[in-house]
Amino acid sequence: MRAAILLIAVVAVNSGPAFPQEGKIGPPSFAIDQESVVRRDAGGKVRWTTRLGGALGTLRPPHLLWDAKRVYVRHNDGVTALSAETGMILWHAQGPNDCLLLSRDLLLTTDDTAGDRARWVTARTVITGAEVCTFRLPEGAIAGLPHGQDRLLLTERGVVRLSPGTKGWATPLGERDRLRGGGLVEGGRGELVAFWYGPNPDSGVQVLRLDAATGEVLWRARCAPLGVPLSRYWHAAAVAVEDEQLRVTSWGAAGTFVEVLDLRSGKQLQRTVSKR
């Protein structure tokens, strides 16, 4: 089967994307602990624990995502959202919960149908979990994002906007590094962030910010690989947009890096590396 659709994530079971929390750049504040979700403060002290029971941290990660208000957990037959502040359960939505990805006010998942290997994207609103739309990815697409009546796609060749009108466009990626993983998220101000990487080599992560209306490239950046001398290597990556920062996180067999970029320029603001 082709690599994961919205993003490939083969990280540790108790890990989640390192989204910015409370204006601090540091380790994740949320984690799965057996059948519970736990929030810790900057010093590691537990702030709250919510026991959900059932299946947590199964299948392909990421199992846990969050933004400033909510925590989203792959749980049993769907996704459960908790209050980031209190841990209170806010909603549960049944349905696809593979390859979680947050894009502003949308929670995106994919569903691979075993029979014909059709690949579908389901978009839910983060406020209630209600389904906004579901659409099938065309052949060769790695990621998909709804944009009004249009569809934004990440393919092996570039980023494409499919439109029922006359506003469609295609922007080539350039260097692809054996592209098999990646995703698309809203960048704010009518802009789009695409990221891609090779999950098996130590490829680092390529990032592209562009105008969603025209496909014009605003900037390109590359987050460097770990530089580990491994003949067989895997890693997974995710991005998170919050305010004027873009955080790129890569988890791999030999370690993790987190790189924070300025959303407006693509300039590196901070990079932390942890090697195993």
C-alpha atoms as a PDB file:
ATOM      1  CA  MET A   1       0.000   0.000   0.000  1.00  0.00           C
ATOM      2  CA  ARG A   2       1.169   3.517  -0.737  1.00  0.00           C
ATOM      3  CA  ALA A   3       2.393   5.406   2.314  1.00  0.00           C
ATOM      4  CA  ALA A   4      -0.062   7.232   4.542  1.00  0.00           C
ATOM      5  CA  ILE A   5      -2.232   9.879   2.942  1.00  0.00           C
ATOM      6  CA  LEU A   6      -2.339  12.975   5.062  1.00  0.00           C
ATOM      7  CA  LEU A   7       0.905  12.224   6.800  1.00  0.00           C
ATOM      8  CA  ILE A   8       2.889   9.142   7.586  1.00  0.00           C
ATOM      9  CA  ALA A   9       3.459   8.711  11.270  1.00  0.00           C
ATOM     10  CA  VAL A  10       5.292   5.752  12.737  1.00  0.00           C
ATOM     11  CA  VAL A  11       6.224   7.339  16.017  1.00  0.00           C
ATOM     12  CA  ALA A  12       6.154   5.999  19.538  1.00  0.00           C
ATOM     13  CA  VAL A  13       2.694   5.122  20.816  1.00  0.00           C
ATOM     14  CA  ASN A  14       2.685   7.764  23.547  1.00  0.00           C
ATOM     15  CA  SER A  15       3.793  10.612  21.315  1.00  0.00           C
ATOM     16  CA  GLY A  16       1.840  13.447  19.724  1.00  0.00           C
ATOM     17  CA  PRO A  17       2.862  16.285  17.450  1.00  0.00           C
ATOM     18  CA  ALA A  18       4.768  18.914  19.393  1.00  0.00           C
ATOM     19  CA  PHE A  19       2.363  21.805  18.875  1.00  0.00           C
ATOM     20  CA  PRO A  20       3.165  25.136  20.513  1.00  0.00           C
ATOM     21  CA  GLN A  21       1.554  25.291  23.942  1.00  0.00           C
ATOM     22  CA  GLU A  22       1.097  28.401  26.097  1.00  0.00           C
ATOM     23  CA  GLY A  23       3.703  30.259  24.052  1.00  0.00           C
ATOM     24  CA  LYS A  24       6.491  27.876  25.043  1.00  0.00           C
ATOM     25  CA  ILE A  25       8.771  25.816  22.843  1.00  0.00           C
ATOM     26  CA  GLY A  26       9.331  22.574  24.648  1.00  0.00           C
ATOM     27  CA  PRO A  27       8.227  18.963  24.989  1.00  0.00           C
ATOM     28  CA  PRO A  28       4.593  17.966  24.419  1.00  0.00           C
ATOM     29  CA  SER A  29       2.236  18.734  27.304  1.00  0.00           C
ATOM     30  CA  PHE A  30      -0.143  15.876  26.503  1.00  0.00           C
ATOM     31  CA  ALA A  31       0.410  12.133  26.298  1.00  0.00           C
ATOM     32  CA  ILE A  32      -1.425   8.825  26.311  1.00  0.00           C
ATOM     33  CA  ASP A  33      -0.802   6.768  29.440  1.00  0.00           C
ATOM     34  CA  GLN A  34      -2.395   3.348  28.971  1.00  0.00           C
ATOM     35  CA  GLU A  35      -6.174   4.100  28.804  1.00  0.00           C
ATOM     36  CA  SER A  36      -5.897   7.729  29.887  1.00  0.00           C
ATOM     37  CA  VAL A  37      -4.883  11.110  28.478  1.00  0.00           C
ATOM     38  CA  VAL A  38      -2.579  13.110  30.735  1.00  0.00           C
ATOM     39  CA  ARG A  39      -1.595  16.774  30.721  1.00  0.00           C
ATOM     40  CA  ARG A  40       1.578  17.881  32.466  1.00  0.00           C
ATOM     41  CA  ASP A  41       2.929  21.355  33.107  1.00  0.00           C
ATOM     42  CA  ALA A  42       6.372  22.598  32.034  1.00  0.00           C
ATOM     43  CA  GLY A  43       7.912  21.021  35.134  1.00  0.00           C
ATOM     44  CA  GLY A  44       6.384  17.602  34.464  1.00  0.00           C
ATOM     45  CA  LYS A  45       3.707  17.832  37.159  1.00  0.00           C
ATOM     46  CA  VAL A  46       0.363  16.251  36.225  1.00  0.00           C
ATOM     47  CA  ARG A  47      -2.338  18.896  35.750  1.00  0.00           C
ATOM     48  CA  TRP A  48      -5.142  16.506  34.878  1.00  0.00           C
ATOM     49  CA  THR A  49      -5.813  12.919  33.866  1.00  0.00           C
ATOM     50  CA  THR A  50      -8.862  11.750  31.927  1.00  0.00           C
ATOM     51  CA  ARG A  51      -9.521   8.049  31.702  1.00  0.00           C
ATOM     52  CA  LEU A  52     -11.213   7.105  28.437  1.00  0.00           C
ATOM     53  CA  GLY A  53     -10.798   3.348  28.429  1.00  0.00           C
ATOM     54  CA  GLY A  54     -11.086   1.293  25.305  1.00  0.00           C
ATOM     55  CA  ALA A  55      -8.605   1.395  22.457  1.00  0.00           C
ATOM     56  CA  LEU A  56      -6.059   4.220  22.678  1.00  0.00           C
ATOM     57  CA  GLY A  57      -2.745   4.365  20.861  1.00  0.00           C
ATOM     58  CA  THR A  58      -3.491   1.567  18.403  1.00  0.00           C
ATOM     59  CA  LEU A  59      -2.908   1.329  14.661  1.00  0.00           C
ATOM     60  CA  ARG A  60      -0.808   3.995  12.946  1.00  0.00           C
ATOM     61  CA  PRO A  61       0.106   7.114  14.933  1.00  0.00           C
ATOM     62  CA  PRO A  62      -0.335   9.985  15.505  1.00  0.00           C
ATOM     63  CA  HIS A  63      -2.842   9.055  18.181  1.00  0.00           C
ATOM     64  CA  LEU A  64      -2.979  12.453  19.852  1.00  0.00           C
ATOM     65  CA  LEU A  65      -3.169  16.023  18.515  1.00  0.00           C
ATOM     66  CA  TRP A  66      -3.999  19.321  20.152  1.00  0.00           C
ATOM     67  CA  ASP A  67      -4.498  23.023  19.672  1.00  0.00           C
ATOM     68  CA  ALA A  68      -4.894  25.857  22.182  1.00  0.00           C
ATOM     69  CA  LYS A  69      -8.400  24.750  23.251  1.00  0.00           C
ATOM     70  CA  ARG A  70      -8.812  21.025  22.645  1.00  0.00           C
ATOM     71  CA  VAL A  71      -7.028  17.669  22.631  1.00  0.00           C
ATOM     72  CA  TYR A  72      -8.038  15.180  19.929  1.00  0.00           C
ATOM     73  CA  VAL A  73      -7.533  11.477  20.599  1.00  0.00           C
ATOM     74  CA  ARG A  74      -7.957   8.431  18.398  1.00  0.00           C
ATOM     75  CA  HIS A  75     -10.361   6.472  20.537  1.00  0.00           C
ATOM     76  CA  ASN A  76     -12.213   3.229  19.844  1.00  0.00           C
ATOM     77  CA  ASP A  77     -14.208   3.678  16.629  1.00  0.00           C
ATOM     78  CA  GLY A  78     -13.585   7.390  16.136  1.00  0.00           C
ATOM     79  CA  VAL A  79     -12.116  10.536  17.667  1.00  0.00           C
ATOM     80  CA  THR A  80     -12.719  12.019  21.122  1.00  0.00           C
ATOM     81  CA  ALA A  81     -12.054  15.680  21.935  1.00  0.00           C
ATOM     82  CA  LEU A  82     -11.133  16.886  25.434  1.00  0.00           C
ATOM     83  CA  SER A  83     -10.804  20.358  26.892  1.00  0.00           C
ATOM     84  CA  ALA A  84      -7.109  21.273  26.900  1.00  0.00           C
ATOM     85  CA  GLU A  85      -7.616  23.235  30.107  1.00  0.00           C
ATOM     86  CA  THR A  86      -9.645  20.773  32.207  1.00  0.00           C
ATOM     87  CA  GLY A  87      -9.573  17.393  30.440  1.00  0.00           C
ATOM     88  CA  MET A  88     -13.381  17.312  30.248  1.00  0.00           C
ATOM     89  CA  ILE A  89     -14.776  15.296  27.346  1.00  0.00           C
ATOM     90  CA  LEU A  90     -16.275  17.682  24.790  1.00  0.00           C
ATOM     91  CA  TRP A  91     -17.397  15.348  22.016  1.00  0.00           C
ATOM     92  CA  HIS A  92     -16.911  11.973  20.376  1.00  0.00           C
ATOM     93  CA  ALA A  93     -17.292  11.417  16.632  1.00  0.00           C
ATOM     94  CA  GLN A  94     -17.564   7.937  15.175  1.00  0.00           C
ATOM     95  CA  GLY A  95     -15.926   7.181  11.875  1.00  0.00           C
ATOM     96  CA  PRO A  96     -12.460   7.293  10.256  1.00  0.00           C
ATOM     97  CA  ASN A  97      -9.611   8.132  12.640  1.00  0.00           C
ATOM     98  CA  ASP A  98      -6.482   7.206  10.712  1.00  0.00           C
ATOM     99  CA  CYS A  99      -3.701   9.724   9.958  1.00  0.00           C
ATOM    100  CA  LEU A 100      -4.959  12.597  12.119  1.00  0.00           C
ATOM    101  CA  LEU A 101      -3.998  16.095  10.985  1.00  0.00           C
ATOM    102  CA  LEU A 102      -5.085  19.519  12.257  1.00  0.00           C
ATOM    103  CA  SER A 103      -5.621  22.393   9.851  1.00  0.00           C
ATOM    104  CA  ARG A 104      -6.903  25.471  11.676  1.00  0.00           C
ATOM    105  CA  ASP A 105     -10.589  24.744  12.401  1.00  0.00           C
ATOM    106  CA  LEU A 106     -10.628  21.338  10.691  1.00  0.00           C
ATOM    107  CA  LEU A 107      -9.587  17.911  11.945  1.00  0.00           C
ATOM    108  CA  LEU A 108      -8.660  15.727   8.980  1.00  0.00           C
ATOM    109  CA  THR A 109      -8.545  11.938   8.858  1.00  0.00           C
ATOM    110  CA  THR A 110      -8.210   9.317   6.159  1.00  0.00           C
ATOM    111  CA  ASP A 111      -9.791   5.940   5.594  1.00  0.00           C
ATOM    112  CA  ASP A 112      -8.224   3.244   3.406  1.00  0.00           C
ATOM    113  CA  THR A 113     -10.932   0.903   2.136  1.00  0.00           C
ATOM    114  CA  ALA A 114      -9.487  -2.592   2.056  1.00  0.00           C
ATOM    115  CA  GLY A 115     -11.517  -3.785  -0.920  1.00  0.00           C
ATOM    116  CA  ASP A 116     -10.407  -1.342  -3.613  1.00  0.00           C
ATOM    117  CA  ARG A 117      -7.801   0.574  -1.625  1.00  0.00           C
ATOM    118  CA  ALA A 118      -9.773   3.756  -2.150  1.00  0.00           C
ATOM    119  CA  ARG A 119      -8.388   6.626  -0.146  1.00  0.00           C
ATOM    120  CA  TRP A 120     -10.791   9.060   1.447  1.00  0.00           C
ATOM    121  CA  VAL A 121     -10.379  12.285   3.408  1.00  0.00           C
ATOM    122  CA  THR A 122     -12.897  13.184   6.097  1.00  0.00           C
ATOM    123  CA  ALA A 123     -12.946  16.736   7.462  1.00  0.00           C
ATOM    124  CA  ARG A 124     -14.592  17.476  10.809  1.00  0.00           C
ATOM    125  CA  THR A 125     -15.085  20.766  12.596  1.00  0.00           C
ATOM    126  CA  VAL A 126     -12.933  20.931  15.718  1.00  0.00           C
ATOM    127  CA  ILE A 127     -15.733  22.609  17.700  1.00  0.00           C
ATOM    128  CA  THR A 128     -18.299  19.789  17.623  1.00  0.00           C
ATOM    129  CA  GLY A 129     -16.744  16.962  15.622  1.00  0.00           C
ATOM    130  CA  ALA A 130     -19.481  17.277  12.996  1.00  0.00           C
ATOM    131  CA  GLU A 131     -18.475  16.085   9.534  1.00  0.00           C
ATOM    132  CA  VAL A 132     -17.910  18.952   7.100  1.00  0.00           C
ATOM    133  CA  CYS A 133     -17.104  16.939   3.994  1.00  0.00           C
ATOM    134  CA  THR A 134     -15.721  13.655   2.719  1.00  0.00           C
ATOM    135  CA  PHE A 135     -13.944  13.213  -0.592  1.00  0.00           C
ATOM    136  CA  ARG A 136     -11.892  10.623  -2.394  1.00  0.00           C
ATOM    137  CA  LEU A 137      -8.268  11.308  -3.251  1.00  0.00           C
ATOM    138  CA  PRO A 138      -7.393  10.825  -6.909  1.00  0.00           C
ATOM    139  CA  GLU A 139      -4.685   8.411  -7.957  1.00  0.00           C
ATOM    140  CA  GLY A 140      -1.223   9.726  -7.126  1.00  0.00           C
ATOM    141  CA  ALA A 141      -2.393  12.108  -4.400  1.00  0.00           C
ATOM    142  CA  ILE A 142      -0.708  11.882  -1.016  1.00  0.00           C
ATOM    143  CA  ALA A 143      -2.767  14.454   0.889  1.00  0.00           C
ATOM    144  CA  GLY A 144      -5.953  16.424   0.455  1.00  0.00           C
ATOM    145  CA  LEU A 145      -7.515  19.525   1.998  1.00  0.00           C
ATOM    146  CA  PRO A 146     -10.952  21.071   1.313  1.00  0.00           C
ATOM    147  CA  HIS A 147     -10.918  24.741   0.337  1.00  0.00           C
ATOM    148  CA  GLY A 148     -14.482  25.943  -0.122  1.00  0.00           C
ATOM    149  CA  GLN A 149     -15.822  24.063  -3.148  1.00  0.00           C
ATOM    150  CA  ASP A 150     -12.273  23.366  -4.329  1.00  0.00           C
ATOM    151  CA  ARG A 151      -9.808  20.649  -3.360  1.00  0.00           C
ATOM    152  CA  LEU A 152      -6.134  21.199  -2.608  1.00  0.00           C
ATOM    153  CA  LEU A 153      -3.970  18.146  -3.251  1.00  0.00           C
ATOM    154  CA  LEU A 154      -0.379  17.169  -2.531  1.00  0.00           C
ATOM    155  CA  THR A 155       0.838  14.786  -5.204  1.00  0.00           C
ATOM    156  CA  GLU A 156       4.188  13.230  -6.036  1.00  0.00           C
ATOM    157  CA  ARG A 157       4.767  16.019  -8.538  1.00  0.00           C
ATOM    158  CA  GLY A 158       3.428  19.115  -6.820  1.00  0.00           C
ATOM    159  CA  VAL A 159       0.592  20.948  -5.109  1.00  0.00           C
ATOM    160  CA  VAL A 160      -2.607  21.169  -7.150  1.00  0.00           C
ATOM    161  CA  ARG A 161      -5.816  23.127  -6.745  1.00  0.00           C
ATOM    162  CA  LEU A 162      -8.822  21.479  -8.392  1.00  0.00           C
ATOM    163  CA  SER A 163     -11.654  23.903  -9.003  1.00  0.00           C
ATOM    164  CA  PRO A 164     -15.046  23.603 -10.713  1.00  0.00           C
ATOM    165  CA  GLY A 165     -14.377  27.110 -12.055  1.00  0.00           C
ATOM    166  CA  THR A 166     -11.294  28.521 -13.753  1.00  0.00           C
ATOM    167  CA  LYS A 167      -9.048  29.094 -10.738  1.00  0.00           C
ATOM    168  CA  GLY A 168      -7.194  25.808 -10.749  1.00  0.00           C
ATOM    169  CA  TRP A 169      -3.389  25.731 -10.676  1.00  0.00           C
ATOM    170  CA  ALA A 170      -0.422  23.397 -10.202  1.00  0.00           C
ATOM    171  CA  THR A 171       2.853  24.252  -8.461  1.00  0.00           C
ATOM    172  CA  PRO A 172       5.806  21.832  -8.737  1.00  0.00           C
ATOM    173  CA  LEU A 173       7.569  20.723  -5.575  1.00  0.00           C
ATOM    174  CA  GLY A 174      11.112  20.755  -6.881  1.00  0.00           C
ATOM    175  CA  GLU A 175      13.322  18.432  -4.837  1.00  0.00           C
ATOM    176  CA  ARG A 176      11.228  15.512  -3.620  1.00  0.00           C
ATOM    177  CA  ASP A 177      13.630  13.241  -1.703  1.00  0.00           C
ATOM    178  CA  ARG A 178      11.719  10.059  -2.582  1.00  0.00           C
ATOM    179  CA  LEU A 179       8.433  11.637  -1.570  1.00  0.00           C
ATOM    180  CA  ARG A 180       6.042   9.263   0.145  1.00  0.00           C
ATOM    181  CA  GLY A 181       4.830  11.261   3.138  1.00  0.00           C
ATOM    182  CA  GLY A 182       3.482  14.724   3.733  1.00  0.00           C
ATOM    183  CA  GLY A 183       0.431  16.888   4.235  1.00  0.00           C
ATOM    184  CA  LEU A 184      -1.340  20.198   3.714  1.00  0.00           C
ATOM    185  CA  VAL A 185      -2.555  22.705   6.304  1.00  0.00           C
ATOM    186  CA  GLU A 186      -4.083  26.164   6.147  1.00  0.00           C
ATOM    187  CA  GLY A 187      -1.475  28.858   6.707  1.00  0.00           C
ATOM    188  CA  GLY A 188      -3.838  31.759   7.389  1.00  0.00           C
ATOM    189  CA  ARG A 189      -4.458  34.859   5.244  1.00  0.00           C
ATOM    190  CA  GLY A 190      -5.575  32.722   2.324  1.00  0.00           C
ATOM    191  CA  GLU A 191      -2.298  30.842   2.276  1.00  0.00           C
ATOM    192  CA  LEU A 192      -1.311  27.186   2.365  1.00  0.00           C
ATOM    193  CA  VAL A 193       1.557  25.182   3.871  1.00  0.00           C
ATOM    194  CA  ALA A 194       2.664  21.942   2.239  1.00  0.00           C
ATOM    195  CA  PHE A 195       5.271  19.594   3.729  1.00  0.00           C
ATOM    196  CA  TRP A 196       6.799  16.407   2.393  1.00  0.00           C
ATOM    197  CA  TYR A 197       9.557  13.932   3.149  1.00  0.00           C
ATOM    198  CA  GLY A 198      10.837  10.439   2.460  1.00  0.00           C
ATOM    199  CA  PRO A 199       9.851   8.192   5.371  1.00  0.00           C
ATOM    200  CA  ASN A 200      12.598   5.618   4.878  1.00  0.00           C
ATOM    201  CA  PRO A 201      15.726   7.729   4.271  1.00  0.00           C
ATOM    202  CA  ASP A 202      16.965  10.341   6.736  1.00  0.00           C
ATOM    203  CA  SER A 203      15.540  13.004   4.442  1.00  0.00           C
ATOM    204  CA  GLY A 204      14.635  15.899   6.694  1.00  0.00           C
ATOM    205  CA  VAL A 205      11.441  17.759   5.814  1.00  0.00           C
ATOM    206  CA  GLN A 206      10.731  20.087   2.915  1.00  0.00           C
ATOM    207  CA  VAL A 207       8.264  22.929   3.549  1.00  0.00           C
ATOM    208  CA  LEU A 208       6.521  25.151   1.021  1.00  0.00           C
ATOM    209  CA  ARG A 209       4.256  28.118   1.721  1.00  0.00           C
ATOM    210  CA  LEU A 210       2.125  29.405  -1.130  1.00  0.00           C
ATOM    211  CA  ASP A 211      -0.873  31.520  -2.036  1.00  0.00           C
ATOM    212  CA  ALA A 212      -3.931  29.252  -2.077  1.00  0.00           C
ATOM    213  CA  ALA A 213      -5.651  31.410  -4.702  1.00  0.00           C
ATOM    214  CA  THR A 214      -2.864  31.506  -7.285  1.00  0.00           C
ATOM    215  CA  GLY A 215      -0.320  28.830  -6.352  1.00  0.00           C
ATOM    216  CA  GLU A 216       2.416  31.483  -6.107  1.00  0.00           C
ATOM    217  CA  VAL A 217       5.322  30.288  -3.970  1.00  0.00           C
ATOM    218  CA  LEU A 218       5.937  32.593  -0.995  1.00  0.00           C
ATOM    219  CA  TRP A 219       8.912  30.714   0.406  1.00  0.00           C
ATOM    220  CA  ARG A 220      10.598  27.326   0.526  1.00  0.00           C
ATOM    221  CA  ALA A 221      12.523  25.879   3.438  1.00  0.00           C
ATOM    222  CA  ARG A 222      14.260  22.646   4.283  1.00  0.00           C
ATOM    223  CA  CYS A 223      14.521  21.285   7.793  1.00  0.00           C
ATOM    224  CA  ALA A 224      17.795  19.379   7.841  1.00  0.00           C
ATOM    225  CA  PRO A 225      17.910  15.650   8.576  1.00  0.00           C
ATOM    226  CA  LEU A 226      19.508  14.232  11.697  1.00  0.00           C
ATOM    227  CA  GLY A 227      22.543  13.087   9.736  1.00  0.00           C
ATOM    228  CA  VAL A 228      22.572   9.612  11.219  1.00  0.00           C
ATOM    229  CA  PRO A 229      24.636   6.882   9.462  1.00  0.00           C
ATOM    230  CA  LEU A 230      21.902   4.259   9.264  1.00  0.00           C
ATOM    231  CA  SER A 231      21.424   1.995   6.267  1.00  0.00           C
ATOM    232  CA  ARG A 232      17.822   1.330   7.225  1.00  0.00           C
ATOM    233  CA  TYR A 233      15.976   4.275   8.698  1.00  0.00           C
ATOM    234  CA  TRP A 234      12.408   5.491   9.116  1.00  0.00           C
ATOM    235  CA  HIS A 235      10.958   8.741  10.291  1.00  0.00           C
ATOM    236  CA  ALA A 236       7.636  10.586  10.259  1.00  0.00           C
ATOM    237  CA  ALA A 237       6.860  14.284  10.230  1.00  0.00           C
ATOM    238  CA  ALA A 238       4.062  16.701  11.021  1.00  0.00           C
ATOM    239  CA  VAL A 239       3.583  20.461  10.988  1.00  0.00           C
ATOM    240  CA  ALA A 240       1.549  22.775  13.194  1.00  0.00           C
ATOM    241  CA  VAL A 241       0.592  26.397  12.549  1.00  0.00           C
ATOM    242  CA  GLU A 242      -0.101  28.672  15.496  1.00  0.00           C
ATOM    243  CA  ASP A 243      -0.142  32.445  15.274  1.00  0.00           C
ATOM    244  CA  GLU A 244       2.980  33.523  13.381  1.00  0.00           C
ATOM    245  CA  GLN A 245       4.990  30.336  13.855  1.00  0.00           C
ATOM    246  CA  LEU A 246       5.235  27.035  12.045  1.00  0.00           C
ATOM    247  CA  ARG A 247       6.547  24.037  13.917  1.00  0.00           C
ATOM    248  CA  VAL A 248       7.983  21.045  12.063  1.00  0.00           C
ATOM    249  CA  THR A 249       8.431  17.842  14.057  1.00  0.00           C
ATOM    250  CA  SER A 250      10.155  14.675  12.873  1.00  0.00           C
ATOM    251  CA  TRP A 251      10.249  11.429  14.844  1.00  0.00           C
ATOM    252  CA  GLY A 252      12.646   8.730  13.710  1.00  0.00           C
ATOM    253  CA  ALA A 253      14.388   5.516  14.552  1.00  0.00           C
ATOM    254  CA  ALA A 254      17.456   7.441  15.717  1.00  0.00           C
ATOM    255  CA  GLY A 255      15.899  10.521  17.299  1.00  0.00           C
ATOM    256  CA  THR A 256      13.645  13.538  17.007  1.00  0.00           C
ATOM    257  CA  PHE A 257      14.035  17.090  15.790  1.00  0.00           C
ATOM    258  CA  VAL A 258      11.712  20.046  16.272  1.00  0.00           C
ATOM    259  CA  GLU A 259      12.247  23.114  14.121  1.00  0.00           C
ATOM    260  CA  VAL A 260      10.297  26.348  14.528  1.00  0.00           C
ATOM    261  CA  LEU A 261      10.010  28.620  11.479  1.00  0.00           C
ATOM    262  CA  ASP A 262       8.710  32.133  11.067  1.00  0.00           C
ATOM    263  CA  LEU A 263       5.423  31.729   9.224  1.00  0.00           C
ATOM    264  CA  ARG A 264       5.843  34.910   7.203  1.00  0.00           C
ATOM    265  CA  SER A 265       9.386  34.335   5.952  1.00  0.00           C
ATOM    266  CA  GLY A 266      10.297  30.673   6.534  1.00  0.00           C
ATOM    267  CA  LYS A 267      13.326  31.738   8.567  1.00  0.00           C
ATOM    268  CA  GLN A 268      14.457  29.259  11.208  1.00  0.00           C
ATOM    269  CA  LEU A 269      13.750  30.529  14.720  1.00  0.00           C
ATOM    270  CA  GLN A 270      14.797  27.512  16.742  1.00  0.00           C
ATOM    271  CA  ARG A 271      15.859  23.898  16.277  1.00  0.00           C
ATOM    272  CA  THR A 272      16.174  21.228  18.943  1.00  0.00           C
ATOM    273  CA  VAL A 273      17.522  17.733  18.316  1.00  0.00           C
ATOM    274  CA  SER A 274      17.369  14.636  20.484  1.00  0.00           C
ATOM    275  CA  LYS A 275      19.271  11.575  19.251  1.00  0.00           C
ATOM    276  CA  ARG A 276      18.850   8.072  20.567  1.00  0.00           C
END
